[in-house]
Amino acid sequence: MSVSIQDLTECIRNVADFPKPGIQFKDITPVLASPKLFQGAIDHLTAPFQPGDIDVVVGVDARGFIFAAAAALHLKAGFVPVRKQGKLPFDTHEESYDLEYGSNTLAI
């Protein structure tokens, strides 16, 4: 792989106090803006697998959609979105979790 984990790590920006004070937000937009880095990230994510090894890739709202959908295409697998509560239009299973700054519920 021509893109190293270090290359990706160095490109991801830390945004202090976003979305709330005390949180360090990881801004992945520099990775997405570079086709080479984005492809490298997908190559690293999918390296342990071969097309046909898995049936679906699950992506968690919202940044996870970007990487999981690309990984699913690479692996010739389906894609399943996991979204915030109330965002999926059909029957769902929901799970609540805690964050540093609150709690939330995800649905699949």
PDB file of N, CA and C in Angstrom:
ATOM      1  N   MET A   1       0.840  -1.180   0.000  1.00  0.00           N
ATOM      2  CA  MET A   1       0.000   0.000   0.000  1.00  0.00           C
ATOM      3  C   MET A   1       0.882   1.240   0.000  1.00  0.00           C
ATOM      4  N   SER A   2       0.564   2.163  -0.844  1.00  0.00           N
ATOM      5  CA  SER A   2       1.397   3.365  -0.954  1.00  0.00           C
ATOM      6  C   SER A   2       1.054   4.426   0.092  1.00  0.00           C
ATOM      7  N   VAL A   3      -0.075   4.293   0.753  1.00  0.00           N
ATOM      8  CA  VAL A   3      -0.466   5.232   1.807  1.00  0.00           C
ATOM      9  C   VAL A   3      -0.330   4.505   3.140  1.00  0.00           C
ATOM     10  N   SER A   4       0.443   5.080   4.033  1.00  0.00           N
ATOM     11  CA  SER A   4       0.639   4.449   5.339  1.00  0.00           C
ATOM     12  C   SER A   4      -0.411   4.934   6.339  1.00  0.00           C
ATOM     13  N   ILE A   5      -0.532   4.186   7.409  1.00  0.00           N
ATOM     14  CA  ILE A   5      -1.401   4.615   8.508  1.00  0.00           C
ATOM     15  C   ILE A   5      -0.916   5.959   9.040  1.00  0.00           C
ATOM     16  N   GLN A   6       0.393   6.136   9.091  1.00  0.00           N
ATOM     17  CA  GLN A   6       0.948   7.416   9.555  1.00  0.00           C
ATOM     18  C   GLN A   6       0.527   8.556   8.630  1.00  0.00           C
ATOM     19  N   ASP A   7       0.547   8.319   7.306  1.00  0.00           N
ATOM     20  CA  ASP A   7       0.084   9.345   6.358  1.00  0.00           C
ATOM     21  C   ASP A   7      -1.351   9.765   6.679  1.00  0.00           C
ATOM     22  N   LEU A   8      -2.198   8.784   6.933  1.00  0.00           N
ATOM     23  CA  LEU A   8      -3.602   9.071   7.229  1.00  0.00           C
ATOM     24  C   LEU A   8      -3.745   9.802   8.560  1.00  0.00           C
ATOM     25  N   THR A   9      -3.028   9.323   9.563  1.00  0.00           N
ATOM     26  CA  THR A   9      -3.097   9.936  10.891  1.00  0.00           C
ATOM     27  C   THR A   9      -2.655  11.392  10.856  1.00  0.00           C
ATOM     28  N   GLU A  10      -1.579  11.669  10.124  1.00  0.00           N
ATOM     29  CA  GLU A  10      -1.067  13.042  10.042  1.00  0.00           C
ATOM     30  C   GLU A  10      -2.026  13.973   9.313  1.00  0.00           C
ATOM     31  N   CYS A  11      -2.863  13.424   8.450  1.00  0.00           N
ATOM     32  CA  CYS A  11      -3.778  14.236   7.652  1.00  0.00           C
ATOM     33  C   CYS A  11      -5.072  14.578   8.399  1.00  0.00           C
ATOM     34  N   ILE A  12      -5.430  13.774   9.382  1.00  0.00           N
ATOM     35  CA  ILE A  12      -6.674  14.000  10.124  1.00  0.00           C
ATOM     36  C   ILE A  12      -6.459  15.119  11.135  1.00  0.00           C
ATOM     37  N   ARG A  13      -7.303  16.140  11.036  1.00  0.00           N
ATOM     38  CA  ARG A  13      -7.181  17.308  11.919  1.00  0.00           C
ATOM     39  C   ARG A  13      -7.936  17.093  13.222  1.00  0.00           C
ATOM     40  N   ASN A  14      -7.365  17.596  14.301  1.00  0.00           N
ATOM     41  CA  ASN A  14      -8.067  17.677  15.583  1.00  0.00           C
ATOM     42  C   ASN A  14      -8.689  19.061  15.686  1.00  0.00           C
ATOM     43  N   VAL A  15      -9.982  19.105  15.923  1.00  0.00           N
ATOM     44  CA  VAL A  15     -10.677  20.372  16.113  1.00  0.00           C
ATOM     45  C   VAL A  15     -11.096  20.428  17.585  1.00  0.00           C
ATOM     46  N   ALA A  16     -10.449  21.294  18.330  1.00  0.00           N
ATOM     47  CA  ALA A  16     -10.702  21.391  19.768  1.00  0.00           C
ATOM     48  C   ALA A  16     -12.087  21.956  20.057  1.00  0.00           C
ATOM     49  N   ASP A  17     -12.689  21.423  21.096  1.00  0.00           N
ATOM     50  CA  ASP A  17     -13.961  21.932  21.619  1.00  0.00           C
ATOM     51  C   ASP A  17     -15.102  21.890  20.604  1.00  0.00           C
ATOM     52  N   PHE A  18     -15.123  20.837  19.788  1.00  0.00           N
ATOM     53  CA  PHE A  18     -16.213  20.671  18.826  1.00  0.00           C
ATOM     54  C   PHE A  18     -16.726  19.242  18.920  1.00  0.00           C
ATOM     55  N   PRO A  19     -18.005  19.022  19.056  1.00  0.00           N
ATOM     56  CA  PRO A  19     -19.092  19.997  19.009  1.00  0.00           C
ATOM     57  C   PRO A  19     -19.365  20.683  20.346  1.00  0.00           C
ATOM     58  N   LYS A  20     -18.639  20.264  21.383  1.00  0.00           N
ATOM     59  CA  LYS A  20     -18.832  20.869  22.705  1.00  0.00           C
ATOM     60  C   LYS A  20     -17.474  21.053  23.362  1.00  0.00           C
ATOM     61  N   PRO A  21     -17.380  21.941  24.330  1.00  0.00           N
ATOM     62  CA  PRO A  21     -16.111  22.135  25.040  1.00  0.00           C
ATOM     63  C   PRO A  21     -15.576  20.819  25.610  1.00  0.00           C
ATOM     64  N   GLY A  22     -14.274  20.608  25.438  1.00  0.00           N
ATOM     65  CA  GLY A  22     -13.620  19.414  25.955  1.00  0.00           C
ATOM     66  C   GLY A  22     -13.553  18.252  24.985  1.00  0.00           C
ATOM     67  N   ILE A  23     -14.242  18.343  23.855  1.00  0.00           N
ATOM     68  CA  ILE A  23     -14.235  17.277  22.853  1.00  0.00           C
ATOM     69  C   ILE A  23     -13.193  17.597  21.790  1.00  0.00           C
ATOM     70  N   GLN A  24     -12.428  16.581  21.380  1.00  0.00           N
ATOM     71  CA  GLN A  24     -11.478  16.706  20.272  1.00  0.00           C
ATOM     72  C   GLN A  24     -12.105  16.018  19.056  1.00  0.00           C
ATOM     73  N   PHE A  25     -12.656  16.788  18.141  1.00  0.00           N
ATOM     74  CA  PHE A  25     -13.302  16.249  16.943  1.00  0.00           C
ATOM     75  C   PHE A  25     -12.240  15.871  15.924  1.00  0.00           C
ATOM     76  N   LYS A  26     -12.362  14.681  15.351  1.00  0.00           N
ATOM     77  CA  LYS A  26     -11.439  14.218  14.312  1.00  0.00           C
ATOM     78  C   LYS A  26     -12.028  14.577  12.950  1.00  0.00           C
ATOM     79  N   ASP A  27     -11.409  15.537  12.280  1.00  0.00           N
ATOM     80  CA  ASP A  27     -11.880  16.023  10.978  1.00  0.00           C
ATOM     81  C   ASP A  27     -11.227  15.204   9.872  1.00  0.00           C
ATOM     82  N   ILE A  28     -12.030  14.367   9.206  1.00  0.00           N
ATOM     83  CA  ILE A  28     -11.525  13.476   8.160  1.00  0.00           C
ATOM     84  C   ILE A  28     -11.580  14.092   6.767  1.00  0.00           C
ATOM     85  N   THR A  29     -12.074  15.318   6.645  1.00  0.00           N
ATOM     86  CA  THR A  29     -12.245  15.892   5.305  1.00  0.00           C
ATOM     87  C   THR A  29     -10.947  15.981   4.505  1.00  0.00           C
ATOM     88  N   PRO A  30      -9.764  16.176   5.121  1.00  0.00           N
ATOM     89  CA  PRO A  30      -8.548  16.144   4.298  1.00  0.00           C
ATOM     90  C   PRO A  30      -8.309  14.771   3.645  1.00  0.00           C
ATOM     91  N   VAL A  31      -8.675  13.706   4.320  1.00  0.00           N
ATOM     92  CA  VAL A  31      -8.551  12.364   3.726  1.00  0.00           C
ATOM     93  C   VAL A  31      -9.509  12.242   2.550  1.00  0.00           C
ATOM     94  N   LEU A  32     -10.734  12.695   2.734  1.00  0.00           N
ATOM     95  CA  LEU A  32     -11.742  12.584   1.678  1.00  0.00           C
ATOM     96  C   LEU A  32     -11.419  13.459   0.477  1.00  0.00           C
ATOM     97  N   ALA A  33     -10.725  14.561   0.698  1.00  0.00           N
ATOM     98  CA  ALA A  33     -10.390  15.488  -0.391  1.00  0.00           C
ATOM     99  C   ALA A  33      -9.288  14.955  -1.297  1.00  0.00           C
ATOM    100  N   SER A  34      -8.561  13.962  -0.846  1.00  0.00           N
ATOM    101  CA  SER A  34      -7.451  13.399  -1.617  1.00  0.00           C
ATOM    102  C   SER A  34      -7.817  11.994  -2.095  1.00  0.00           C
ATOM    103  N   PRO A  35      -7.982  11.793  -3.405  1.00  0.00           N
ATOM    104  CA  PRO A  35      -8.286  10.446  -3.891  1.00  0.00           C
ATOM    105  C   PRO A  35      -7.252   9.409  -3.441  1.00  0.00           C
ATOM    106  N   LYS A  36      -5.991   9.797  -3.411  1.00  0.00           N
ATOM    107  CA  LYS A  36      -4.938   8.858  -2.994  1.00  0.00           C
ATOM    108  C   LYS A  36      -5.118   8.453  -1.531  1.00  0.00           C
ATOM    109  N   LEU A  37      -5.347   9.428  -0.647  1.00  0.00           N
ATOM    110  CA  LEU A  37      -5.522   9.115   0.768  1.00  0.00           C
ATOM    111  C   LEU A  37      -6.818   8.344   1.023  1.00  0.00           C
ATOM    112  N   PHE A  38      -7.887   8.747   0.352  1.00  0.00           N
ATOM    113  CA  PHE A  38      -9.168   8.058   0.534  1.00  0.00           C
ATOM    114  C   PHE A  38      -9.051   6.603   0.087  1.00  0.00           C
ATOM    115  N   GLN A  39      -8.449   6.377  -1.084  1.00  0.00           N
ATOM    116  CA  GLN A  39      -8.247   5.005  -1.558  1.00  0.00           C
ATOM    117  C   GLN A  39      -7.356   4.237  -0.592  1.00  0.00           C
ATOM    118  N   GLY A  40      -6.318   4.903  -0.074  1.00  0.00           N
ATOM    119  CA  GLY A  40      -5.437   4.258   0.895  1.00  0.00           C
ATOM    120  C   GLY A  40      -6.177   3.846   2.158  1.00  0.00           C
ATOM    121  N   ALA A  41      -7.075   4.701   2.629  1.00  0.00           N
ATOM    122  CA  ALA A  41      -7.867   4.367   3.819  1.00  0.00           C
ATOM    123  C   ALA A  41      -8.735   3.138   3.560  1.00  0.00           C
ATOM    124  N   ILE A  42      -9.368   3.094   2.399  1.00  0.00           N
ATOM    125  CA  ILE A  42     -10.211   1.944   2.052  1.00  0.00           C
ATOM    126  C   ILE A  42      -9.359   0.693   1.897  1.00  0.00           C
ATOM    127  N   ASP A  43      -8.185   0.825   1.294  1.00  0.00           N
ATOM    128  CA  ASP A  43      -7.284  -0.325   1.163  1.00  0.00           C
ATOM    129  C   ASP A  43      -6.913  -0.892   2.528  1.00  0.00           C
ATOM    130  N   HIS A  44      -6.601  -0.020   3.484  1.00  0.00           N
ATOM    131  CA  HIS A  44      -6.265  -0.485   4.836  1.00  0.00           C
ATOM    132  C   HIS A  44      -7.469  -1.141   5.514  1.00  0.00           C
ATOM    133  N   LEU A  45      -8.644  -0.536   5.369  1.00  0.00           N
ATOM    134  CA  LEU A  45      -9.843  -1.101   5.998  1.00  0.00           C
ATOM    135  C   LEU A  45     -10.186  -2.484   5.459  1.00  0.00           C
ATOM    136  N   THR A  46      -9.984  -2.685   4.180  1.00  0.00           N
ATOM    137  CA  THR A  46     -10.412  -3.936   3.545  1.00  0.00           C
ATOM    138  C   THR A  46      -9.299  -4.969   3.434  1.00  0.00           C
ATOM    139  N   ALA A  47      -8.078  -4.622   3.788  1.00  0.00           N
ATOM    140  CA  ALA A  47      -6.930  -5.529   3.631  1.00  0.00           C
ATOM    141  C   ALA A  47      -7.135  -6.909   4.262  1.00  0.00           C
ATOM    142  N   PRO A  48      -7.773  -7.030   5.424  1.00  0.00           N
ATOM    143  CA  PRO A  48      -7.928  -8.367   6.016  1.00  0.00           C
ATOM    144  C   PRO A  48      -8.938  -9.266   5.295  1.00  0.00           C
ATOM    145  N   PHE A  49      -9.666  -8.729   4.333  1.00  0.00           N
ATOM    146  CA  PHE A  49     -10.766  -9.454   3.703  1.00  0.00           C
ATOM    147  C   PHE A  49     -10.556  -9.582   2.199  1.00  0.00           C
ATOM    148  N   GLN A  50     -11.253 -10.549   1.627  1.00  0.00           N
ATOM    149  CA  GLN A  50     -11.305 -10.727   0.180  1.00  0.00           C
ATOM    150  C   GLN A  50     -12.758 -10.570  -0.256  1.00  0.00           C
ATOM    151  N   PRO A  51     -12.992 -10.101  -1.497  1.00  0.00           N
ATOM    152  CA  PRO A  51     -14.373 -10.061  -1.979  1.00  0.00           C
ATOM    153  C   PRO A  51     -15.020 -11.436  -1.812  1.00  0.00           C
ATOM    154  N   GLY A  52     -16.219 -11.440  -1.268  1.00  0.00           N
ATOM    155  CA  GLY A  52     -16.929 -12.687  -1.014  1.00  0.00           C
ATOM    156  C   GLY A  52     -16.775 -13.203   0.408  1.00  0.00           C
ATOM    157  N   ASP A  53     -15.816 -12.654   1.168  1.00  0.00           N
ATOM    158  CA  ASP A  53     -15.619 -13.090   2.559  1.00  0.00           C
ATOM    159  C   ASP A  53     -16.777 -12.682   3.464  1.00  0.00           C
ATOM    160  N   ILE A  54     -17.390 -11.557   3.177  1.00  0.00           N
ATOM    161  CA  ILE A  54     -18.451 -11.033   4.034  1.00  0.00           C
ATOM    162  C   ILE A  54     -19.661 -10.664   3.189  1.00  0.00           C
ATOM    163  N   ASP A  55     -20.815 -10.628   3.827  1.00  0.00           N
ATOM    164  CA  ASP A  55     -22.058 -10.313   3.117  1.00  0.00           C
ATOM    165  C   ASP A  55     -22.387  -8.829   3.134  1.00  0.00           C
ATOM    166  N   VAL A  56     -22.166  -8.177   4.276  1.00  0.00           N
ATOM    167  CA  VAL A  56     -22.496  -6.760   4.400  1.00  0.00           C
ATOM    168  C   VAL A  56     -21.439  -6.032   5.217  1.00  0.00           C
ATOM    169  N   VAL A  57     -21.324  -4.743   4.935  1.00  0.00           N
ATOM    170  CA  VAL A  57     -20.501  -3.837   5.732  1.00  0.00           C
ATOM    171  C   VAL A  57     -21.464  -2.846   6.373  1.00  0.00           C
ATOM    172  N   VAL A  58     -21.323  -2.645   7.670  1.00  0.00           N
ATOM    173  CA  VAL A  58     -22.196  -1.746   8.418  1.00  0.00           C
ATOM    174  C   VAL A  58     -21.471  -0.427   8.643  1.00  0.00           C
ATOM    175  N   GLY A  59     -22.147   0.679   8.354  1.00  0.00           N
ATOM    176  CA  GLY A  59     -21.582   2.006   8.576  1.00  0.00           C
ATOM    177  C   GLY A  59     -22.432   2.793   9.542  1.00  0.00           C
ATOM    178  N   VAL A  60     -21.779   3.379  10.554  1.00  0.00           N
ATOM    179  CA  VAL A  60     -22.495   4.139  11.579  1.00  0.00           C
ATOM    180  C   VAL A  60     -22.542   5.610  11.186  1.00  0.00           C
ATOM    181  N   ASP A  61     -23.719   6.206  11.300  1.00  0.00           N
ATOM    182  CA  ASP A  61     -24.024   7.611  11.025  1.00  0.00           C
ATOM    183  C   ASP A  61     -22.919   8.517  11.550  1.00  0.00           C
ATOM    184  N   ALA A  62     -22.443   9.409  10.835  1.00  0.00           N
ATOM    185  CA  ALA A  62     -22.582   9.713   9.421  1.00  0.00           C
ATOM    186  C   ALA A  62     -21.240   9.504   8.716  1.00  0.00           C
ATOM    187  N   ARG A  63     -20.135   9.753   9.414  1.00  0.00           N
ATOM    188  CA  ARG A  63     -18.835   9.544   8.771  1.00  0.00           C
ATOM    189  C   ARG A  63     -18.617   8.087   8.403  1.00  0.00           C
ATOM    190  N   GLY A  64     -19.211   7.191   9.173  1.00  0.00           N
ATOM    191  CA  GLY A  64     -19.070   5.771   8.874  1.00  0.00           C
ATOM    192  C   GLY A  64     -19.695   5.381   7.552  1.00  0.00           C
ATOM    193  N   PHE A  65     -20.715   6.118   7.111  1.00  0.00           N
ATOM    194  CA  PHE A  65     -21.334   5.829   5.815  1.00  0.00           C
ATOM    195  C   PHE A  65     -20.311   5.934   4.694  1.00  0.00           C
ATOM    196  N   ILE A  66     -19.482   6.945   4.765  1.00  0.00           N
ATOM    197  CA  ILE A  66     -18.526   7.229   3.694  1.00  0.00           C
ATOM    198  C   ILE A  66     -17.565   6.064   3.512  1.00  0.00           C
ATOM    199  N   PHE A  67     -16.941   5.646   4.609  1.00  0.00           N
ATOM    200  CA  PHE A  67     -15.938   4.594   4.525  1.00  0.00           C
ATOM    201  C   PHE A  67     -16.563   3.217   4.331  1.00  0.00           C
ATOM    202  N   ALA A  68     -17.671   2.949   5.014  1.00  0.00           N
ATOM    203  CA  ALA A  68     -18.295   1.635   4.914  1.00  0.00           C
ATOM    204  C   ALA A  68     -18.878   1.384   3.528  1.00  0.00           C
ATOM    205  N   ALA A  69     -19.479   2.389   2.917  1.00  0.00           N
ATOM    206  CA  ALA A  69     -20.033   2.207   1.572  1.00  0.00           C
ATOM    207  C   ALA A  69     -18.924   1.932   0.564  1.00  0.00           C
ATOM    208  N   ALA A  70     -17.818   2.670   0.666  1.00  0.00           N
ATOM    209  CA  ALA A  70     -16.686   2.435  -0.235  1.00  0.00           C
ATOM    210  C   ALA A  70     -16.078   1.057   0.008  1.00  0.00           C
ATOM    211  N   ALA A  71     -15.964   0.654   1.267  1.00  0.00           N
ATOM    212  CA  ALA A  71     -15.430  -0.672   1.592  1.00  0.00           C
ATOM    213  C   ALA A  71     -16.352  -1.766   1.064  1.00  0.00           C
ATOM    214  N   ALA A  72     -17.666  -1.567   1.193  1.00  0.00           N
ATOM    215  CA  ALA A  72     -18.621  -2.554   0.691  1.00  0.00           C
ATOM    216  C   ALA A  72     -18.474  -2.740  -0.816  1.00  0.00           C
ATOM    217  N   LEU A  73     -18.345  -1.656  -1.547  1.00  0.00           N
ATOM    218  CA  LEU A  73     -18.143  -1.772  -2.995  1.00  0.00           C
ATOM    219  C   LEU A  73     -16.864  -2.535  -3.312  1.00  0.00           C
ATOM    220  N   HIS A  74     -15.791  -2.201  -2.612  1.00  0.00           N
ATOM    221  CA  HIS A  74     -14.501  -2.864  -2.824  1.00  0.00           C
ATOM    222  C   HIS A  74     -14.608  -4.369  -2.558  1.00  0.00           C
ATOM    223  N   LEU A  75     -15.391  -4.742  -1.550  1.00  0.00           N
ATOM    224  CA  LEU A  75     -15.516  -6.144  -1.147  1.00  0.00           C
ATOM    225  C   LEU A  75     -16.687  -6.860  -1.813  1.00  0.00           C
ATOM    226  N   LYS A  76     -17.377  -6.154  -2.714  1.00  0.00           N
ATOM    227  CA  LYS A  76     -18.547  -6.721  -3.392  1.00  0.00           C
ATOM    228  C   LYS A  76     -19.569  -7.235  -2.371  1.00  0.00           C
ATOM    229  N   ALA A  77     -19.809  -6.407  -1.376  1.00  0.00           N
ATOM    230  CA  ALA A  77     -20.742  -6.731  -0.295  1.00  0.00           C
ATOM    231  C   ALA A  77     -21.834  -5.674  -0.241  1.00  0.00           C
ATOM    232  N   GLY A  78     -22.891  -5.989   0.465  1.00  0.00           N
ATOM    233  CA  GLY A  78     -23.942  -5.011   0.693  1.00  0.00           C
ATOM    234  C   GLY A  78     -23.511  -3.990   1.735  1.00  0.00           C
ATOM    235  N   PHE A  79     -24.297  -2.940   1.840  1.00  0.00           N
ATOM    236  CA  PHE A  79     -24.048  -1.886   2.827  1.00  0.00           C
ATOM    237  C   PHE A  79     -25.299  -1.698   3.671  1.00  0.00           C
ATOM    238  N   VAL A  80     -25.134  -1.622   4.990  1.00  0.00           N
ATOM    239  CA  VAL A  80     -26.248  -1.393   5.910  1.00  0.00           C
ATOM    240  C   VAL A  80     -25.942  -0.148   6.736  1.00  0.00           C
ATOM    241  N   PRO A  81     -26.797   0.872   6.647  1.00  0.00           N
ATOM    242  CA  PRO A  81     -26.575   2.068   7.466  1.00  0.00           C
ATOM    243  C   PRO A  81     -27.125   1.895   8.880  1.00  0.00           C
ATOM    244  N   VAL A  82     -26.376   2.379   9.841  1.00  0.00           N
ATOM    245  CA  VAL A  82     -26.853   2.494  11.215  1.00  0.00           C
ATOM    246  C   VAL A  82     -27.014   3.982  11.457  1.00  0.00           C
ATOM    247  N   ARG A  83     -28.245   4.389  11.789  1.00  0.00           N
ATOM    248  CA  ARG A  83     -28.557   5.813  11.877  1.00  0.00           C
ATOM    249  C   ARG A  83     -29.037   6.193  13.257  1.00  0.00           C
ATOM    250  N   LYS A  84     -29.102   7.486  13.466  1.00  0.00           N
ATOM    251  CA  LYS A  84     -29.682   7.994  14.704  1.00  0.00           C
ATOM    252  C   LYS A  84     -31.170   7.650  14.737  1.00  0.00           C
ATOM    253  N   GLN A  85     -31.677   7.522  15.935  1.00  0.00           N
ATOM    254  CA  GLN A  85     -33.074   7.160  16.159  1.00  0.00           C
ATOM    255  C   GLN A  85     -34.016   8.052  15.352  1.00  0.00           C
ATOM    256  N   GLY A  86     -34.993   7.413  14.686  1.00  0.00           N
ATOM    257  CA  GLY A  86     -36.007   8.146  13.947  1.00  0.00           C
ATOM    258  C   GLY A  86     -35.633   8.510  12.523  1.00  0.00           C
ATOM    259  N   LYS A  87     -34.462   8.083  12.044  1.00  0.00           N
ATOM    260  CA  LYS A  87     -34.020   8.451  10.698  1.00  0.00           C
ATOM    261  C   LYS A  87     -34.227   7.345   9.666  1.00  0.00           C
ATOM    262  N   LEU A  88     -34.495   6.126  10.105  1.00  0.00           N
ATOM    263  CA  LEU A  88     -34.745   5.028   9.168  1.00  0.00           C
ATOM    264  C   LEU A  88     -36.250   4.803   9.053  1.00  0.00           C
ATOM    265  N   PRO A  89     -36.765   4.594   7.823  1.00  0.00           N
ATOM    266  CA  PRO A  89     -38.207   4.591   7.606  1.00  0.00           C
ATOM    267  C   PRO A  89     -38.917   3.271   7.875  1.00  0.00           C
ATOM    268  N   PHE A  90     -38.204   2.206   8.211  1.00  0.00           N
ATOM    269  CA  PHE A  90     -38.868   0.906   8.344  1.00  0.00           C
ATOM    270  C   PHE A  90     -38.645   0.364   9.749  1.00  0.00           C
ATOM    271  N   ASP A  91     -39.004  -0.885   9.982  1.00  0.00           N
ATOM    272  CA  ASP A  91     -38.807  -1.508  11.291  1.00  0.00           C
ATOM    273  C   ASP A  91     -37.327  -1.484  11.654  1.00  0.00           C
ATOM    274  N   THR A  92     -37.038  -1.157  12.902  1.00  0.00           N
ATOM    275  CA  THR A  92     -35.645  -1.056  13.333  1.00  0.00           C
ATOM    276  C   THR A  92     -35.434  -1.738  14.675  1.00  0.00           C
ATOM    277  N   HIS A  93     -34.188  -2.039  14.946  1.00  0.00           N
ATOM    278  CA  HIS A  93     -33.736  -2.431  16.283  1.00  0.00           C
ATOM    279  C   HIS A  93     -32.921  -1.253  16.787  1.00  0.00           C
ATOM    280  N   GLU A  94     -33.166  -0.825  18.016  1.00  0.00           N
ATOM    281  CA  GLU A  94     -32.483   0.360  18.547  1.00  0.00           C
ATOM    282  C   GLU A  94     -31.637   0.010  19.760  1.00  0.00           C
ATOM    283  N   GLU A  95     -30.536   0.739  19.899  1.00  0.00           N
ATOM    284  CA  GLU A  95     -29.618   0.556  21.020  1.00  0.00           C
ATOM    285  C   GLU A  95     -29.143   1.924  21.488  1.00  0.00           C
ATOM    286  N   SER A  96     -29.213   2.153  22.793  1.00  0.00           N
ATOM    287  CA  SER A  96     -28.759   3.426  23.360  1.00  0.00           C
ATOM    288  C   SER A  96     -27.331   3.289  23.864  1.00  0.00           C
ATOM    289  N   TYR A  97     -26.616   4.403  23.885  1.00  0.00           N
ATOM    290  CA  TYR A  97     -25.226   4.418  24.344  1.00  0.00           C
ATOM    291  C   TYR A  97     -24.907   5.788  24.927  1.00  0.00           C
ATOM    292  N   ASP A  98     -23.824   5.846  25.686  1.00  0.00           N
ATOM    293  CA  ASP A  98     -23.388   7.092  26.312  1.00  0.00           C
ATOM    294  C   ASP A  98     -22.176   7.661  25.588  1.00  0.00           C
ATOM    295  N   LEU A  99     -22.105   8.983  25.546  1.00  0.00           N
ATOM    296  CA  LEU A  99     -20.977   9.730  24.988  1.00  0.00           C
ATOM    297  C   LEU A  99     -20.326  10.525  26.106  1.00  0.00           C
ATOM    298  N   GLU A 100     -19.198  11.165  25.788  1.00  0.00           N
ATOM    299  CA  GLU A 100     -18.562  12.036  26.772  1.00  0.00           C
ATOM    300  C   GLU A 100     -19.486  13.192  27.147  1.00  0.00           C
ATOM    301  N   TYR A 101     -20.353  13.586  26.223  1.00  0.00           N
ATOM    302  CA  TYR A 101     -21.172  14.782  26.410  1.00  0.00           C
ATOM    303  C   TYR A 101     -22.668  14.504  26.352  1.00  0.00           C
ATOM    304  N   GLY A 102     -23.090  13.270  26.612  1.00  0.00           N
ATOM    305  CA  GLY A 102     -24.514  12.965  26.601  1.00  0.00           C
ATOM    306  C   GLY A 102     -24.771  11.511  26.264  1.00  0.00           C
ATOM    307  N   SER A 103     -25.926  11.245  25.694  1.00  0.00           N
ATOM    308  CA  SER A 103     -26.275   9.896  25.268  1.00  0.00           C
ATOM    309  C   SER A 103     -27.044   9.994  23.955  1.00  0.00           C
ATOM    310  N   ASN A 104     -27.180   8.850  23.284  1.00  0.00           N
ATOM    311  CA  ASN A 104     -27.855   8.824  22.002  1.00  0.00           C
ATOM    312  C   ASN A 104     -28.408   7.428  21.779  1.00  0.00           C
ATOM    313  N   THR A 105     -29.207   7.273  20.743  1.00  0.00           N
ATOM    314  CA  THR A 105     -29.751   5.978  20.354  1.00  0.00           C
ATOM    315  C   THR A 105     -29.527   5.788  18.868  1.00  0.00           C
ATOM    316  N   LEU A 106     -29.039   4.594  18.502  1.00  0.00           N
ATOM    317  CA  LEU A 106     -28.839   4.242  17.099  1.00  0.00           C
ATOM    318  C   LEU A 106     -29.849   3.183  16.693  1.00  0.00           C
ATOM    319  N   ALA A 107     -30.176   3.162  15.401  1.00  0.00           N
ATOM    320  CA  ALA A 107     -31.138   2.201  14.869  1.00  0.00           C
ATOM    321  C   ALA A 107     -30.551   1.501  13.655  1.00  0.00           C
ATOM    322  N   ILE A 108     -30.902   0.219  13.524  1.00  0.00           N
ATOM    323  CA  ILE A 108     -30.498  -0.561  12.351  1.00  0.00           C
ATOM    324  C   ILE A 108     -31.720  -1.295  11.833  1.00  0.00           C
TER     325      ILE A 108
END
